[in-house]
Amino acid sequence: MQPELRQSFNAQFSQESYQEYLDAIKKLAPGQLDFRVAETPVFIPADLKNKMLQAGEDIIDALTNEHFKSITESSIPDFLSIPGENEFPEMMVFDFGICKNKNRDYEPQLIEIQGFPSLFYFQYFSDLIYKQHFHVPENYSSYLNGYNSDSYLQLLKEIILDKENPEHVILLELFPEQQKTRIDFACTEKLLGIKTVCLTKLIAEGNELFYKNEGVKTKIKRIFNRIIFDDLPKQNLENIINLNQEFDVQWIPHPNWYYRISKFALPFIESEYAPQSFFLNEITTPLPLEEYVLKPLFSYAGTGVVLDVSQEIIDKIPDPENWILQQKVNYADVIETSDEPAKLEVRLFYFKKKEWSRPKAVHNLARLSKGKMIGTRYNEGKTWVGGTIAYFEFGN
């Protein structure tokens, strides 16, 4: 997208420098990196950055609509009845595929939105480590809206801790040691001073929750939630606390927002950067199915997505109310690599403090792919693919 920067980076690239960069990342938490880190960052020109930010504003218009909570009430599954939902989530992420429009100009197209955290702390380190090993032009930053590494950490601290003592705040996950994103948990512990706790280790006494902190039973006041609640019914867990009980804790973000701000919300977003989406059970006019992707509403990391849709496939779906058809996004080959070009998806991190009227884009992660979709299983054996970071041009 920035030919001169791409050519310069590729010309100076060496496997040795990449390995040094990778080794530095692994030192953050030895043995915890469980996903592929790409060989290169991406450089986003100002005009494309501005289109992404405009797309974000269009999405936020839909999310802050006065009717949004009522129209997304049915997205919340029956088994999830956790008290204490707030008016708006403190954090969310928007995923954009980078495409070319009819004029052959680059533009973002919305892939998915999530009212859920991402690799917030790992990406902080990714930026610092990258700049220690490679050159980033002075007029480029991985941060948006005037933020930098210091103010970003302060923002996260204010949102997650909210002046609470870190020992009373936990990162909650189910079997965290098995999660592919566990290096981010370690980074969170290092920078925020909170512990990662497995759901199975929580202790309930009346309306209070506790965990063992270095062997000492400690009251929990705030939960930085990293649990995908869809997974819980599949686990056949026994002897865990009843999360539907009203406990004296605050969730950040509340689990309901994982369902509200999700694929379920896509049909309500109007933007030139958001492909048309329809609930499968509400389609009354035939659509050119070859131009659409079929997605289950309640799945994670691209599981269950059908790229080649046919009426026969649709007719066999027993619960069409739980699926959407989304107009296909044709990712452009945007990153020149040592062999075939790579496709790009950029995830913008949005945050909202209590006093803000709207969320703000602050940081990001990016993912490179040479397969039909973004994701590990579509890139087996390939190089210059995987997770990375985007640097945005200032100004203009």
Protein backbone atom coordinates (compact mmCIF):
# COMPACT_ATOMS: atom_id res chain seq x y z
CA MET A 1 0.00 0.00 0.00
CA GLN A 2 3.02 2.23 0.57
CA PRO A 3 5.27 0.93 -2.23
CA GLU A 4 8.43 2.75 -1.16
CA LEU A 5 8.17 1.51 2.44
CA ARG A 6 7.35 -2.02 1.34
CA GLN A 7 10.25 -2.16 -1.09
CA SER A 8 12.63 -0.77 1.50
CA PHE A 9 11.51 -3.23 4.17
CA ASN A 10 11.68 -6.24 1.86
CA ALA A 11 15.11 -5.25 0.57
CA GLN A 12 16.52 -5.02 4.10
CA PHE A 13 14.73 -8.09 5.46
CA SER A 14 16.77 -11.06 6.63
CA GLN A 15 15.76 -14.29 8.29
CA GLU A 16 18.29 -13.55 11.03
CA SER A 17 16.66 -10.21 11.92
CA TYR A 18 13.22 -11.83 11.91
CA GLN A 19 14.46 -14.57 14.24
CA GLU A 20 15.91 -11.99 16.64
CA TYR A 21 12.58 -10.16 16.64
CA LEU A 22 10.72 -13.43 17.25
CA ASP A 23 13.10 -14.44 20.05
CA ALA A 24 12.48 -11.10 21.78
CA ILE A 25 8.72 -11.69 21.63
CA LYS A 26 9.09 -15.20 23.01
CA LYS A 27 11.08 -13.84 25.97
CA LEU A 28 7.98 -11.97 27.11
CA ALA A 29 6.59 -15.26 28.42
CA PRO A 30 8.73 -18.30 27.55
CA GLY A 31 6.71 -21.18 26.13
CA GLN A 32 3.50 -19.15 25.84
CA LEU A 33 3.55 -17.96 22.21
CA ASP A 34 1.10 -20.29 20.45
CA PHE A 35 0.33 -18.51 17.19
CA ARG A 36 2.41 -17.46 14.21
CA VAL A 37 3.91 -13.97 14.19
CA ALA A 38 4.36 -12.62 10.67
CA GLU A 39 7.69 -11.48 9.25
CA THR A 40 6.50 -7.94 8.57
CA PRO A 41 4.31 -5.18 9.91
CA VAL A 42 2.01 -3.27 7.57
CA PHE A 43 2.11 0.42 6.70
CA ILE A 44 -1.29 2.09 6.27
CA PRO A 45 -1.43 5.36 4.28
CA ALA A 46 -3.42 8.26 5.72
CA ASP A 47 -6.29 8.01 3.23
CA LEU A 48 -6.93 4.35 4.06
CA LYS A 49 -6.60 5.06 7.77
CA ASN A 50 -9.24 7.78 7.45
CA LYS A 51 -11.59 5.41 5.63
CA MET A 52 -11.18 2.88 8.43
CA LEU A 53 -11.93 5.52 11.05
CA GLN A 54 -15.02 6.64 9.11
CA ALA A 55 -16.17 3.02 8.93
CA GLY A 56 -15.72 2.83 12.68
CA GLU A 57 -17.91 5.90 13.16
CA ASP A 58 -20.62 4.35 10.97
CA ILE A 59 -20.55 1.22 13.12
CA ILE A 60 -20.66 3.21 16.33
CA ASP A 61 -23.70 5.09 15.01
CA ALA A 62 -25.51 1.75 14.91
CA LEU A 63 -24.23 0.59 18.31
CA THR A 64 -25.21 3.82 20.06
CA ASN A 65 -28.67 3.94 18.50
CA GLU A 66 -31.31 4.22 21.24
CA HIS A 67 -32.96 1.02 20.03
CA PHE A 68 -29.79 -1.09 19.81
CA LYS A 69 -30.22 -2.89 23.12
CA SER A 70 -33.84 -3.78 22.43
CA ILE A 71 -33.16 -5.14 18.92
CA THR A 72 -30.22 -7.23 20.16
CA GLU A 73 -31.98 -8.66 23.22
CA SER A 74 -32.68 -11.93 21.41
CA SER A 75 -28.95 -12.39 20.71
CA ILE A 76 -28.30 -13.29 24.34
CA PRO A 77 -28.67 -17.05 24.92
CA ASP A 78 -31.08 -18.38 27.51
CA PHE A 79 -28.29 -19.88 29.62
CA LEU A 80 -26.67 -16.45 30.06
CA SER A 81 -28.43 -14.39 32.66
CA ILE A 82 -25.61 -12.60 34.43
CA PRO A 83 -26.76 -9.55 36.41
CA GLY A 84 -25.10 -6.16 36.16
CA GLU A 85 -25.07 -5.36 32.46
CA ASN A 86 -23.97 -1.77 31.89
CA GLU A 87 -25.19 0.74 29.31
CA PHE A 88 -22.25 0.28 26.93
CA PRO A 89 -19.15 -1.93 26.86
CA GLU A 90 -15.76 -0.53 27.82
CA MET A 91 -14.00 -2.20 24.90
CA MET A 92 -14.73 -3.68 21.48
CA VAL A 93 -12.92 -4.53 18.26
CA PHE A 94 -13.76 -4.09 14.57
CA ASP A 95 -12.17 -6.28 11.88
CA PHE A 96 -11.67 -4.88 8.38
CA GLY A 97 -10.52 -6.73 5.28
CA ILE A 98 -8.48 -4.53 2.96
CA CYS A 99 -9.97 -4.55 -0.53
CA LYS A 100 -9.95 -2.55 -3.76
CA ASN A 101 -13.02 -0.63 -4.91
CA LYS A 102 -14.25 -0.07 -8.46
CA ASN A 103 -11.68 2.68 -8.92
CA ARG A 104 -8.92 0.27 -7.82
CA ASP A 105 -8.35 2.31 -4.66
CA TYR A 106 -7.80 0.54 -1.35
CA GLU A 107 -10.69 0.54 1.09
CA PRO A 108 -11.71 -1.32 4.26
CA GLN A 109 -14.67 -3.68 4.30
CA LEU A 110 -16.14 -4.80 7.60
CA ILE A 111 -15.71 -8.48 8.40
CA GLU A 112 -16.81 -8.74 12.00
CA ILE A 113 -17.31 -6.82 15.24
CA GLN A 114 -16.83 -8.09 18.78
CA GLY A 115 -17.85 -6.60 22.11
CA PHE A 116 -14.92 -8.43 23.67
CA PRO A 117 -11.23 -7.87 24.44
CA SER A 118 -8.38 -8.75 22.12
CA LEU A 119 -4.60 -8.96 22.53
CA PHE A 120 -4.45 -5.52 24.10
CA TYR A 121 -1.28 -5.96 26.13
CA PHE A 122 0.56 -8.25 23.75
CA GLN A 123 0.17 -5.64 21.01
CA TYR A 124 1.69 -3.00 23.27
CA PHE A 125 4.82 -5.13 23.49
CA SER A 126 4.67 -6.02 19.78
CA ASP A 127 5.01 -2.34 18.90
CA LEU A 128 7.92 -1.74 21.27
CA ILE A 129 9.81 -4.86 20.21
CA TYR A 130 9.23 -4.28 16.53
CA LYS A 131 10.70 -0.77 16.75
CA GLN A 132 13.74 -2.17 18.54
CA HIS A 133 14.54 -4.45 15.60
CA PHE A 134 13.23 -2.64 12.51
CA HIS A 135 12.79 0.92 11.29
CA VAL A 136 9.43 2.70 11.56
CA PRO A 137 9.23 6.14 9.90
CA GLU A 138 8.66 8.99 12.35
CA ASN A 139 5.33 9.91 10.76
CA TYR A 140 3.84 6.46 11.42
CA SER A 141 2.35 5.05 14.62
CA SER A 142 0.43 1.97 15.67
CA TYR A 143 -1.74 4.24 17.84
CA LEU A 144 -4.70 6.39 16.81
CA ASN A 145 -6.46 9.53 18.01
CA GLY A 146 -3.36 11.02 19.62
CA TYR A 147 -2.53 8.06 21.84
CA ASN A 148 0.96 6.67 22.42
CA SER A 149 2.35 3.72 24.34
CA ASP A 150 2.23 5.50 27.71
CA SER A 151 -1.26 6.98 27.37
CA TYR A 152 -2.52 3.64 26.02
CA LEU A 153 -1.36 1.80 29.14
CA GLN A 154 -2.89 4.49 31.32
CA LEU A 155 -6.21 4.18 29.48
CA LEU A 156 -6.29 0.41 29.94
CA LYS A 157 -5.44 0.81 33.62
CA GLU A 158 -8.26 3.30 34.14
CA ILE A 159 -10.79 1.12 32.34
CA ILE A 160 -9.88 -2.25 33.84
CA LEU A 161 -8.86 -1.26 37.37
CA ASP A 162 -10.88 1.95 37.85
CA LYS A 163 -8.74 2.88 40.92
CA GLU A 164 -9.24 -0.58 42.44
CA ASN A 165 -6.30 -2.39 44.06
CA PRO A 166 -5.01 -4.89 41.44
CA GLU A 167 -5.22 -7.78 43.91
CA HIS A 168 -9.01 -7.42 43.84
CA VAL A 169 -9.16 -7.52 40.02
CA ILE A 170 -8.70 -10.72 38.00
CA LEU A 171 -8.48 -11.78 34.37
CA LEU A 172 -11.04 -14.59 34.10
CA GLU A 173 -10.68 -17.37 31.54
CA LEU A 174 -11.57 -21.04 31.25
CA PHE A 175 -8.44 -23.21 31.37
CA PRO A 176 -6.17 -20.26 30.52
CA GLU A 177 -3.12 -22.47 30.16
CA GLN A 178 -4.78 -24.11 27.11
CA GLN A 179 -5.67 -20.91 25.25
CA LYS A 180 -3.71 -19.87 22.15
CA THR A 181 -3.85 -16.26 23.34
CA ARG A 182 -2.31 -17.04 26.71
CA ILE A 183 0.80 -14.94 26.01
CA ASP A 184 -1.50 -11.92 26.22
CA PHE A 185 -2.62 -13.04 29.68
CA ALA A 186 1.03 -13.09 30.78
CA CYS A 187 1.56 -9.61 29.30
CA THR A 188 -1.54 -8.36 31.11
CA GLU A 189 -0.28 -9.72 34.42
CA LYS A 190 3.12 -8.12 33.87
CA LEU A 191 1.80 -4.66 33.07
CA LEU A 192 -1.42 -4.45 35.07
CA GLY A 193 -0.48 -6.50 38.12
CA ILE A 194 -3.58 -8.68 38.10
CA LYS A 195 -3.78 -12.47 38.23
CA THR A 196 -5.22 -14.80 35.59
CA VAL A 197 -7.78 -17.10 37.21
CA CYS A 198 -9.59 -20.12 35.79
CA LEU A 199 -13.37 -20.15 36.12
CA THR A 200 -13.14 -23.50 37.91
CA LYS A 201 -11.03 -21.90 40.67
CA LEU A 202 -13.52 -19.22 41.72
CA ILE A 203 -14.89 -19.43 45.26
CA ALA A 204 -18.41 -18.18 46.03
CA GLU A 205 -19.55 -17.19 49.51
CA GLY A 206 -22.94 -15.56 49.58
CA ASN A 207 -22.88 -12.74 47.05
CA GLU A 208 -19.08 -12.46 47.12
CA LEU A 209 -16.44 -14.06 44.91
CA PHE A 210 -12.92 -14.98 45.93
CA TYR A 211 -9.77 -16.52 44.45
CA LYS A 212 -6.55 -17.86 45.92
CA ASN A 213 -3.82 -15.26 45.51
CA GLU A 214 -0.51 -16.90 46.43
CA GLY A 215 -2.53 -19.19 48.70
CA VAL A 216 -4.47 -16.35 50.34
CA LYS A 217 -8.23 -16.18 49.80
CA THR A 218 -8.81 -12.76 48.23
CA LYS A 219 -12.05 -10.94 47.42
CA ILE A 220 -12.78 -10.21 43.75
CA LYS A 221 -14.31 -6.81 42.97
CA ARG A 222 -13.73 -6.52 39.22
CA ILE A 223 -13.48 -9.19 36.48
CA PHE A 224 -11.63 -8.54 33.24
CA ASN A 225 -13.59 -11.10 31.27
CA ARG A 226 -11.84 -13.24 28.64
CA ILE A 227 -14.27 -16.18 28.70
CA ILE A 228 -16.10 -17.09 25.50
CA PHE A 229 -19.36 -18.10 27.14
CA ASP A 230 -20.40 -20.11 24.07
CA ASP A 231 -17.83 -22.67 25.15
CA LEU A 232 -19.25 -23.34 28.60
CA PRO A 233 -22.21 -25.60 27.67
CA LYS A 234 -19.85 -27.73 25.57
CA GLN A 235 -17.45 -28.38 28.46
CA ASN A 236 -19.74 -30.39 30.77
CA LEU A 237 -18.19 -28.55 33.69
CA GLU A 238 -19.07 -29.71 37.18
CA ASN A 239 -18.81 -27.98 40.53
CA ILE A 240 -18.42 -24.47 39.15
CA ILE A 241 -20.13 -21.43 40.58
CA ASN A 242 -23.51 -20.32 39.34
CA LEU A 243 -22.64 -17.27 37.25
CA ASN A 244 -26.31 -16.35 36.96
CA GLN A 245 -26.31 -15.51 40.65
CA GLU A 246 -25.97 -11.82 41.52
CA PHE A 247 -22.46 -11.28 42.86
CA ASP A 248 -20.89 -8.12 44.18
CA VAL A 249 -18.52 -7.78 41.21
CA GLN A 250 -18.25 -5.66 38.08
CA TRP A 251 -17.58 -7.29 34.71
CA ILE A 252 -15.30 -5.59 32.15
CA PRO A 253 -16.81 -6.03 29.64
CA HIS A 254 -20.08 -7.61 30.70
CA PRO A 255 -20.63 -11.00 28.98
CA ASN A 256 -23.87 -9.85 27.32
CA TRP A 257 -21.90 -7.52 25.06
CA TYR A 258 -20.11 -10.45 23.46
CA TYR A 259 -23.48 -11.40 21.98
CA ARG A 260 -24.93 -7.96 21.30
CA ILE A 261 -21.85 -6.64 19.48
CA SER A 262 -21.22 -9.60 17.23
CA LYS A 263 -22.31 -10.97 13.87
CA PHE A 264 -25.84 -10.46 15.20
CA ALA A 265 -25.40 -6.68 14.82
CA LEU A 266 -24.05 -6.74 11.24
CA PRO A 267 -27.48 -6.46 9.50
CA PHE A 268 -28.13 -3.21 11.38
CA ILE A 269 -24.98 -1.39 10.21
CA GLU A 270 -25.24 1.00 7.29
CA SER A 271 -21.98 2.05 5.72
CA GLU A 272 -20.26 1.98 2.36
CA TYR A 273 -17.58 0.00 4.19
CA ALA A 274 -19.95 -2.66 5.54
CA PRO A 275 -21.10 -5.40 3.15
CA GLN A 276 -24.81 -6.20 3.14
CA SER A 277 -25.82 -8.76 5.74
CA PHE A 278 -29.15 -10.53 6.28
CA PHE A 279 -30.56 -12.88 8.88
CA LEU A 280 -31.10 -16.14 7.02
CA ASN A 281 -34.63 -16.62 8.34
CA GLU A 282 -35.70 -13.13 7.20
CA ILE A 283 -34.71 -13.40 3.52
CA THR A 284 -37.77 -13.27 1.29
CA THR A 285 -36.17 -12.37 -2.06
CA PRO A 286 -33.73 -14.74 -3.78
CA LEU A 287 -30.11 -13.61 -3.55
CA PRO A 288 -27.15 -14.46 -5.82
CA LEU A 289 -25.72 -16.94 -3.33
CA GLU A 290 -22.35 -17.08 -5.08
CA GLU A 291 -21.83 -13.49 -3.89
CA TYR A 292 -22.47 -14.31 -0.22
CA VAL A 293 -20.83 -16.04 2.71
CA LEU A 294 -22.89 -18.03 5.22
CA LYS A 295 -21.92 -17.43 8.85
CA PRO A 296 -23.23 -18.89 12.10
CA LEU A 297 -24.10 -16.15 14.57
CA PHE A 298 -22.58 -17.90 17.54
CA SER A 299 -19.10 -19.09 16.66
CA TYR A 300 -15.57 -17.86 17.19
CA ALA A 301 -12.44 -17.52 15.05
CA GLY A 302 -14.20 -18.25 11.77
CA THR A 303 -15.51 -21.71 12.68
CA GLY A 304 -18.58 -22.83 10.77
CA VAL A 305 -18.25 -20.26 7.96
CA VAL A 306 -19.41 -21.53 4.54
CA LEU A 307 -17.62 -19.82 1.65
CA ASP A 308 -19.34 -21.63 -1.21
CA VAL A 309 -23.03 -21.26 -0.45
CA SER A 310 -25.79 -23.19 -2.23
CA GLN A 311 -29.53 -23.45 -1.72
CA GLU A 312 -29.04 -27.11 -0.85
CA ILE A 313 -26.79 -26.13 2.07
CA ILE A 314 -29.27 -23.50 3.24
CA ASP A 315 -32.19 -25.92 3.08
CA LYS A 316 -30.42 -28.31 5.47
CA ILE A 317 -29.92 -25.68 8.19
CA PRO A 318 -32.31 -26.49 11.07
CA ASP A 319 -31.97 -23.08 12.79
CA PRO A 320 -31.85 -20.34 10.12
CA GLU A 321 -32.50 -17.70 12.78
CA ASN A 322 -28.96 -18.37 14.03
CA TRP A 323 -27.24 -17.67 10.68
CA ILE A 324 -26.54 -14.68 8.47
CA LEU A 325 -25.69 -14.25 4.82
CA GLN A 326 -23.02 -11.63 4.35
CA GLN A 327 -21.95 -10.25 1.00
CA LYS A 328 -18.53 -11.59 0.11
CA VAL A 329 -15.51 -9.40 0.67
CA ASN A 330 -12.75 -9.84 -1.86
CA TYR A 331 -9.51 -9.25 -0.04
CA ALA A 332 -6.90 -7.59 -2.21
CA ASP A 333 -3.35 -8.91 -2.57
CA VAL A 334 -1.81 -5.97 -0.77
CA ILE A 335 1.45 -7.11 0.82
CA GLU A 336 4.35 -8.02 -1.44
CA THR A 337 6.34 -10.88 0.08
CA SER A 338 9.21 -13.14 -0.90
CA ASP A 339 6.84 -15.37 -2.89
CA GLU A 340 3.08 -14.81 -3.34
CA PRO A 341 1.40 -11.63 -2.07
CA ALA A 342 -0.52 -11.65 1.19
CA LYS A 343 -4.01 -10.45 2.07
CA LEU A 344 -4.55 -8.16 5.03
CA GLU A 345 -7.08 -7.80 7.82
CA VAL A 346 -6.78 -5.01 10.39
CA ARG A 347 -8.47 -5.11 13.78
CA LEU A 348 -9.03 -1.72 15.40
CA PHE A 349 -9.24 -1.59 19.19
CA TYR A 350 -11.98 0.72 20.48
CA PHE A 351 -12.40 1.83 24.09
CA LYS A 352 -14.97 3.87 25.99
CA LYS A 353 -14.50 5.54 29.33
CA LYS A 354 -17.60 6.39 31.36
CA GLU A 355 -17.38 10.09 30.60
CA TRP A 356 -17.01 9.64 26.82
CA SER A 357 -20.12 9.92 24.66
CA ARG A 358 -18.64 7.58 22.01
CA PRO A 359 -15.88 4.96 21.84
CA LYS A 360 -12.50 5.88 20.38
CA ALA A 361 -10.13 3.90 18.17
CA VAL A 362 -6.80 3.62 19.99
CA HIS A 363 -4.62 0.69 18.85
CA ASN A 364 -4.67 -2.32 16.54
CA LEU A 365 -3.50 -5.70 15.43
CA ALA A 366 -3.19 -6.99 11.88
CA ARG A 367 -3.24 -10.42 10.29
CA LEU A 368 -1.72 -11.59 7.02
CA SER A 369 -3.04 -14.53 5.02
CA LYS A 370 -2.33 -16.29 1.75
CA GLY A 371 -5.33 -18.61 2.05
CA LYS A 372 -9.05 -18.29 1.34
CA MET A 373 -9.63 -16.90 4.82
CA ILE A 374 -7.68 -15.33 7.64
CA GLY A 375 -6.59 -18.00 10.10
CA THR A 376 -3.98 -20.63 10.89
CA ARG A 377 -5.71 -23.54 9.19
CA TYR A 378 -5.76 -21.64 5.87
CA ASN A 379 -2.02 -20.84 6.00
CA GLU A 380 -0.31 -24.08 6.94
CA GLY A 381 3.28 -24.19 5.73
CA LYS A 382 3.28 -20.60 4.46
CA THR A 383 5.57 -17.72 5.45
CA TRP A 384 4.88 -13.99 5.80
CA VAL A 385 1.50 -14.84 7.32
CA GLY A 386 0.08 -14.59 10.83
CA GLY A 387 -0.32 -11.90 13.43
CA THR A 388 1.40 -8.54 13.17
CA ILE A 389 0.82 -4.82 13.73
CA ALA A 390 -0.23 -1.91 11.51
CA TYR A 391 1.48 1.46 11.46
CA PHE A 392 -0.71 4.38 10.37
CA GLU A 393 0.51 7.46 8.56
CA PHE A 394 -0.10 10.73 10.42
CA GLY A 395 -1.86 13.71 8.89
CA ASN A 396 -3.70 14.21 5.61
